[in-house]
C-alpha atoms as a PDB file:
ATOM      1  CA  MET A   1      40.664  38.350 -36.714  1.00  0.00           C
ATOM      2  CA  ALA A   2      38.890  37.685 -33.484  1.00  0.00           C
ATOM      3  CA  TYR A   3      41.083  37.150 -30.443  1.00  0.00           C
ATOM      4  CA  LYS A   4      38.715  34.817 -28.587  1.00  0.00           C
ATOM      5  CA  GLY A   5      37.893  31.472 -29.917  1.00  0.00           C
ATOM      6  CA  PHE A   6      38.845  27.670 -30.096  1.00  0.00           C
ATOM      7  CA  PHE A   7      42.310  26.439 -30.837  1.00  0.00           C
ATOM      8  CA  LYS A   8      42.484  23.492 -32.918  1.00  0.00           C
ATOM      9  CA  PRO A   9      45.895  21.717 -32.218  1.00  0.00           C
ATOM     10  CA  LEU A  10      48.088  19.887 -34.921  1.00  0.00           C
ATOM     11  CA  ASN A  11      49.302  17.633 -32.181  1.00  0.00           C
ATOM     12  CA  PRO A  12      46.170  16.704 -30.039  1.00  0.00           C
ATOM     13  CA  SER A  13      47.932  13.930 -28.097  1.00  0.00           C
ATOM     14  CA  LYS A  14      50.275  16.526 -26.472  1.00  0.00           C
ATOM     15  CA  TYR A  15      47.209  18.373 -24.875  1.00  0.00           C
ATOM     16  CA  ARG A  16      46.388  17.433 -21.452  1.00  0.00           C
ATOM     17  CA  GLY A  17      42.644  17.726 -21.361  1.00  0.00           C
ATOM     18  CA  ASP A  18      40.097  17.814 -24.165  1.00  0.00           C
ATOM     19  CA  PRO A  19      41.750  18.879 -27.237  1.00  0.00           C
ATOM     20  CA  THR A  20      38.387  19.881 -28.952  1.00  0.00           C
ATOM     21  CA  ASN A  21      37.781  22.387 -26.219  1.00  0.00           C
ATOM     22  CA  ILE A  22      40.905  24.694 -25.992  1.00  0.00           C
ATOM     23  CA  VAL A  23      39.821  28.266 -25.573  1.00  0.00           C
ATOM     24  CA  TYR A  24      41.970  31.225 -26.165  1.00  0.00           C
ATOM     25  CA  ARG A  25      41.067  34.693 -24.745  1.00  0.00           C
ATOM     26  CA  SER A  26      43.721  36.809 -26.303  1.00  0.00           C
ATOM     27  CA  ARG A  27      45.977  37.045 -29.339  1.00  0.00           C
ATOM     28  CA  TRP A  28      48.884  36.512 -26.938  1.00  0.00           C
ATOM     29  CA  GLU A  29      47.449  33.296 -25.802  1.00  0.00           C
ATOM     30  CA  LEU A  30      46.677  32.084 -29.345  1.00  0.00           C
ATOM     31  CA  VAL A  31      50.367  32.798 -30.374  1.00  0.00           C
ATOM     32  CA  TYR A  32      51.489  30.913 -27.196  1.00  0.00           C
ATOM     33  CA  MET A  33      49.318  27.811 -27.911  1.00  0.00           C
ATOM     34  CA  SER A  34      50.641  27.574 -31.378  1.00  0.00           C
ATOM     35  CA  ARG A  35      54.260  27.551 -30.025  1.00  0.00           C
ATOM     36  CA  LEU A  36      53.453  24.974 -27.446  1.00  0.00           C
ATOM     37  CA  ASP A  37      51.734  22.808 -30.014  1.00  0.00           C
ATOM     38  CA  LYS A  38      54.607  22.881 -32.458  1.00  0.00           C
ATOM     39  CA  ASP A  39      57.540  22.806 -30.043  1.00  0.00           C
ATOM     40  CA  PRO A  40      59.067  19.392 -30.130  1.00  0.00           C
ATOM     41  CA  ASN A  41      60.409  19.797 -26.542  1.00  0.00           C
ATOM     42  CA  ILE A  42      57.067  20.424 -25.114  1.00  0.00           C
ATOM     43  CA  VAL A  43      55.888  16.892 -23.848  1.00  0.00           C
ATOM     44  CA  GLU A  44      52.445  18.022 -22.769  1.00  0.00           C
ATOM     45  CA  TRP A  45      50.515  21.178 -22.091  1.00  0.00           C
ATOM     46  CA  ALA A  46      47.177  22.522 -21.007  1.00  0.00           C
ATOM     47  CA  SER A  47      45.204  25.616 -20.781  1.00  0.00           C
ATOM     48  CA  GLU A  48      43.416  26.684 -17.639  1.00  0.00           C
ATOM     49  CA  GLU A  49      43.492  23.280 -16.296  1.00  0.00           C
ATOM     50  CA  HIS A  50      45.032  24.075 -12.941  1.00  0.00           C
ATOM     51  CA  VAL A  51      43.033  25.942 -10.377  1.00  0.00           C
ATOM     52  CA  ILE A  52      44.790  27.448  -7.412  1.00  0.00           C
ATOM     53  CA  PRO A  53      42.961  29.056  -4.343  1.00  0.00           C
ATOM     54  CA  TYR A  54      44.051  32.454  -3.370  1.00  0.00           C
ATOM     55  CA  ARG A  55      42.805  35.152  -0.848  1.00  0.00           C
ATOM     56  CA  SER A  56      42.005  38.390  -2.484  1.00  0.00           C
ATOM     57  CA  PRO A  57      43.196  41.449  -0.744  1.00  0.00           C
ATOM     58  CA  ILE A  58      39.994  43.238  -2.008  1.00  0.00           C
ATOM     59  CA  ASP A  59      37.517  41.246  -0.068  1.00  0.00           C
ATOM     60  CA  ASN A  60      39.705  39.022   2.073  1.00  0.00           C
ATOM     61  CA  ARG A  61      37.791  35.879   0.491  1.00  0.00           C
ATOM     62  CA  ILE A  62      39.064  32.843  -1.115  1.00  0.00           C
ATOM     63  CA  HIS A  63      38.863  32.891  -4.920  1.00  0.00           C
ATOM     64  CA  ARG A  64      39.788  30.495  -7.605  1.00  0.00           C
ATOM     65  CA  TYR A  65      42.887  31.411  -9.877  1.00  0.00           C
ATOM     66  CA  PHE A  66      42.767  29.597 -13.278  1.00  0.00           C
ATOM     67  CA  VAL A  67      46.427  29.707 -14.324  1.00  0.00           C
ATOM     68  CA  ASP A  68      46.776  30.340 -18.145  1.00  0.00           C
ATOM     69  CA  PHE A  69      48.860  27.391 -18.947  1.00  0.00           C
ATOM     70  CA  TYR A  70      50.561  24.182 -17.647  1.00  0.00           C
ATOM     71  CA  ILE A  71      53.590  22.911 -19.596  1.00  0.00           C
ATOM     72  CA  LYS A  72      55.932  19.862 -19.357  1.00  0.00           C
ATOM     73  CA  LYS A  73      59.078  20.465 -21.178  1.00  0.00           C
ATOM     74  CA  LYS A  74      61.987  18.028 -22.104  1.00  0.00           C
ATOM     75  CA  MET A  75      65.229  19.633 -20.869  1.00  0.00           C
ATOM     76  CA  PRO A  76      68.628  19.348 -22.656  1.00  0.00           C
ATOM     77  CA  ASN A  77      69.712  16.684 -20.050  1.00  0.00           C
ATOM     78  CA  GLY A  78      66.629  14.459 -21.021  1.00  0.00           C
ATOM     79  CA  LYS A  79      64.652  15.114 -17.803  1.00  0.00           C
ATOM     80  CA  THR A  80      61.479  16.981 -17.787  1.00  0.00           C
ATOM     81  CA  LYS A  81      60.332  20.102 -16.011  1.00  0.00           C
ATOM     82  CA  CYS A  82      56.800  21.238 -15.311  1.00  0.00           C
ATOM     83  CA  ALA A  83      55.786  24.929 -14.987  1.00  0.00           C
ATOM     84  CA  LEU A  84      52.639  27.095 -14.831  1.00  0.00           C
ATOM     85  CA  ILE A  85      52.617  29.976 -17.130  1.00  0.00           C
ATOM     86  CA  GLU A  86      50.618  33.222 -16.886  1.00  0.00           C
ATOM     87  CA  ILE A  87      50.454  35.673 -19.728  1.00  0.00           C
ATOM     88  CA  LYS A  88      49.911  39.253 -19.017  1.00  0.00           C
ATOM     89  CA  PRO A  89      50.525  42.665 -20.404  1.00  0.00           C
ATOM     90  CA  LYS A  90      53.799  43.963 -19.173  1.00  0.00           C
ATOM     91  CA  HIS A  91      52.210  47.020 -17.603  1.00  0.00           C
ATOM     92  CA  GLN A  92      50.214  44.680 -15.345  1.00  0.00           C
ATOM     93  CA  THR A  93      53.475  42.780 -13.987  1.00  0.00           C
ATOM     94  CA  VAL A  94      54.616  45.823 -11.962  1.00  0.00           C
ATOM     95  CA  PRO A  95      52.742  47.901  -9.336  1.00  0.00           C
ATOM     96  CA  PRO A  96      51.233  51.155 -10.700  1.00  0.00           C
ATOM     97  CA  LYS A  97      53.115  54.354  -9.935  1.00  0.00           C
ATOM     98  CA  VAL A  98      51.760  56.272  -7.170  1.00  0.00           C
ATOM     99  CA  ILE A  99      49.905  59.378  -8.095  1.00  0.00           C
ATOM    100  CA  ASN A 100      49.082  62.437  -5.961  1.00  0.00           C
ATOM    101  CA  LYS A 101      45.392  62.682  -6.987  1.00  0.00           C
ATOM    102  CA  PRO A 102      43.992  58.973  -7.291  1.00  0.00           C
ATOM    103  CA  ASN A 103      41.389  58.734  -9.983  1.00  0.00           C
ATOM    104  CA  LYS A 104      39.071  55.841 -10.856  1.00  0.00           C
ATOM    105  CA  ARG A 105      41.658  54.362 -13.350  1.00  0.00           C
ATOM    106  CA  TYR A 106      44.423  54.376 -10.773  1.00  0.00           C
ATOM    107  CA  ILE A 107      42.321  52.799  -8.111  1.00  0.00           C
ATOM    108  CA  ASN A 108      41.273  50.097 -10.560  1.00  0.00           C
ATOM    109  CA  GLU A 109      44.989  49.492 -11.483  1.00  0.00           C
ATOM    110  CA  VAL A 110      45.992  49.238  -7.638  1.00  0.00           C
ATOM    111  CA  MET A 111      43.172  46.750  -7.143  1.00  0.00           C
ATOM    112  CA  THR A 112      44.190  44.696 -10.234  1.00  0.00           C
ATOM    113  CA  TRP A 113      47.736  44.693  -9.087  1.00  0.00           C
ATOM    114  CA  GLY A 114      46.718  43.542  -5.565  1.00  0.00           C
ATOM    115  CA  VAL A 115      44.641  40.593  -6.971  1.00  0.00           C
ATOM    116  CA  ASN A 116      47.346  39.652  -9.319  1.00  0.00           C
ATOM    117  CA  GLU A 117      50.031  39.767  -6.739  1.00  0.00           C
ATOM    118  CA  ALA A 118      47.921  37.506  -4.412  1.00  0.00           C
ATOM    119  CA  LYS A 119      47.196  35.027  -7.322  1.00  0.00           C
ATOM    120  CA  TRP A 120      50.963  34.915  -8.372  1.00  0.00           C
ATOM    121  CA  LYS A 121      52.157  34.409  -4.645  1.00  0.00           C
ATOM    122  CA  ALA A 122      49.563  31.520  -4.317  1.00  0.00           C
ATOM    123  CA  ALA A 123      50.840  29.965  -7.780  1.00  0.00           C
ATOM    124  CA  THR A 124      54.459  30.367  -6.768  1.00  0.00           C
ATOM    125  CA  GLU A 125      53.702  28.373  -3.498  1.00  0.00           C
ATOM    126  CA  PHE A 126      51.820  25.749  -5.395  1.00  0.00           C
ATOM    127  CA  CYS A 127      54.638  25.339  -7.838  1.00  0.00           C
ATOM    128  CA  LYS A 128      57.383  25.222  -5.116  1.00  0.00           C
ATOM    129  CA  ASP A 129      55.379  22.488  -3.251  1.00  0.00           C
ATOM    130  CA  ARG A 130      55.653  20.284  -6.577  1.00  0.00           C
ATOM    131  CA  GLY A 131      59.043  21.218  -7.816  1.00  0.00           C
ATOM    132  CA  TRP A 132      57.664  23.280 -10.735  1.00  0.00           C
ATOM    133  CA  ASP A 133      58.247  26.625 -12.045  1.00  0.00           C
ATOM    134  CA  PHE A 134      55.937  29.606 -12.204  1.00  0.00           C
ATOM    135  CA  GLU A 135      56.594  32.191 -14.960  1.00  0.00           C
ATOM    136  CA  ILE A 136      54.830  35.325 -16.046  1.00  0.00           C
ATOM    137  CA  LEU A 137      55.198  35.951 -19.804  1.00  0.00           C
ATOM    138  CA  THR A 138      54.549  39.195 -21.372  1.00  0.00           C
ATOM    139  CA  GLU A 139      54.435  40.621 -24.996  1.00  0.00           C
ATOM    140  CA  ASP A 140      58.184  40.998 -24.756  1.00  0.00           C
ATOM    141  CA  HIS A 141      58.657  37.216 -24.121  1.00  0.00           C
ATOM    142  CA  LEU A 142      56.123  36.479 -26.937  1.00  0.00           C
ATOM    143  CA  GLY A 143      58.032  38.759 -29.401  1.00  0.00           C
ATOM    144  CA  LEU A 144      54.821  40.832 -30.045  1.00  0.00           C
ATOM    145  CA  LYS A 145      54.915  44.500 -30.907  1.00  0.00           C
ATOM    146  CA  PHE A 146      52.273  47.023 -31.021  1.00  0.00           C
END
């Protein structure tokens, strides 16, 4: 099975955006899309519809962060709550362990961590300004095992 493609929702009216152009870029995103589509408590959702500017620590320039998901969920008290959701491998959600002799892989991991941290800080502020939540989900949250 290819882990990139177009998702066809069973409930297209819940999707905020063009329901004929929902792209998934990983198995994890596909699993999460399916859950959002079927969850009766999800009032609406979108994929990569929110763009947040952030300053990259690599080049000190402003870049655009396309957050994986926006959700609007009905809470048990009847109110709704909005959130932006990022899906990442668990190992990318923590800083890399310092090593004595940095190699190319380690340097790449440090740079990836720095960019992700800048993105997540910008997303946290974006959500805070709107009274939303920002969450990072990993394979553990999605119940995926390898």
